[in-house]
Protein backbone atom coordinates (compact mmCIF):
# COMPACT_ATOMS: atom_id res chain seq x y z
CA MET A 1 -0.01 -0.06 -0.13
CA ASN A 2 1.27 3.29 -0.97
CA GLY A 3 -0.38 5.67 1.46
CA GLY A 4 -3.21 6.74 -1.21
CA TRP A 5 -0.96 8.63 -3.23
CA GLY A 6 -0.90 6.03 -6.52
CA TRP A 7 -3.02 8.39 -8.69
CA MET A 8 -0.35 11.21 -8.48
CA PRO A 9 1.71 10.18 -11.48
CA TRP A 10 -1.57 10.82 -13.65
CA GLY A 11 -3.13 13.41 -11.65
CA TRP A 12 -2.25 16.18 -14.06
CA ILE A 13 -3.87 14.80 -17.19
CA PHE A 14 -7.48 15.39 -15.85
CA PRO A 15 -7.06 19.30 -14.97
CA LEU A 16 -5.18 19.68 -18.27
CA ILE A 17 -8.04 17.95 -20.11
CA PHE A 18 -10.51 20.16 -18.32
CA LEU A 19 -8.55 23.32 -19.21
CA VAL A 20 -8.21 22.61 -22.78
CA LEU A 21 -11.96 21.69 -23.29
CA MET A 22 -12.76 25.36 -21.61
CA VAL A 23 -10.74 26.77 -24.10
CA VAL A 24 -12.07 24.96 -27.02
CA PHE A 25 -15.50 25.87 -25.58
CA MET A 26 -14.61 29.55 -25.32
CA VAL A 27 -13.49 29.69 -28.66
CA PHE A 28 -16.24 27.95 -30.12
CA MET A 29 -18.88 30.46 -28.47
CA MET A 30 -16.69 33.56 -29.40
CA ARG A 31 -16.86 32.24 -33.15
CA GLY A 32 -20.65 32.19 -32.74
CA GLY A 33 -21.24 28.59 -32.42
CA MET A 34 -24.54 27.19 -32.25
CA GLY A 35 -26.01 29.80 -34.44
CA GLY A 36 -24.47 32.81 -32.93
CA GLY A 37 -27.37 35.30 -33.16
CA PRO A 38 -27.32 39.00 -31.68
CA MET A 39 -27.15 37.87 -28.16
CA CYS A 40 -23.74 36.45 -28.66
CA GLY A 41 -22.37 39.54 -29.68
CA GLY A 42 -22.11 38.46 -33.48
CA SER A 43 -22.34 41.49 -35.89
CA HIS A 44 -22.57 39.35 -39.04
CA LYS A 45 -26.18 38.28 -40.33
CA THR A 46 -27.08 34.72 -39.85
CA SER A 47 -28.94 33.01 -42.70
CA GLY A 48 -32.28 33.27 -40.87
CA SER A 49 -31.82 37.08 -40.47
CA ALA A 50 -34.31 39.06 -42.62
CA GLU A 51 -32.87 41.57 -45.15
CA THR A 52 -34.42 44.88 -45.96
CA PRO A 53 -36.32 45.57 -49.06
CA ARG A 54 -33.32 47.94 -50.36
CA GLU A 55 -30.77 45.14 -49.41
CA THR A 56 -32.87 42.54 -51.57
CA LEU A 57 -32.94 45.19 -54.32
CA ASP A 58 -29.45 46.18 -54.44
CA ARG A 59 -28.68 42.25 -54.27
CA ARG A 60 -31.07 41.42 -57.08
CA TYR A 61 -29.48 44.44 -59.12
CA ALA A 62 -25.71 43.39 -58.42
CA ARG A 63 -26.39 39.55 -59.40
CA GLY A 64 -28.11 41.13 -62.94
CA GLU A 65 -31.39 39.80 -61.98
CA ILE A 66 -33.09 42.98 -62.96
CA THR A 67 -32.15 45.86 -65.41
CA ARG A 68 -30.78 49.49 -64.51
CA GLU A 69 -34.09 50.81 -65.24
CA GLU A 70 -36.14 48.36 -63.06
CA TYR A 71 -33.60 48.87 -60.36
CA GLN A 72 -34.08 52.52 -60.38
CA GLN A 73 -37.86 52.61 -60.48
CA MET A 74 -38.25 49.78 -57.85
CA ARG A 75 -35.74 52.15 -55.53
CA LYS A 76 -37.76 55.28 -56.34
CA ASP A 77 -40.89 53.39 -55.22
CA LEU A 78 -39.44 52.08 -52.11
CA GLU A 79 -38.36 55.60 -51.07
CA GLY A 80 -41.72 57.19 -51.82
């Protein structure tokens, strides 16, 4: 019998594993893990966030889905 100190040579592994898991968890949460969203401090839009009509119009024009004339008319309609 060694007085209950038999675990000591391996005693540093569990705190090290715990520390590594905590660092990984914190990095995961800071990068917007689990969807992020506004509560996690992320400033980027998530795939489920709604865009404004103006942003939709700008995106459609940039992709070439509508002509310049259509873009200008729709933009005017949105402003007034």
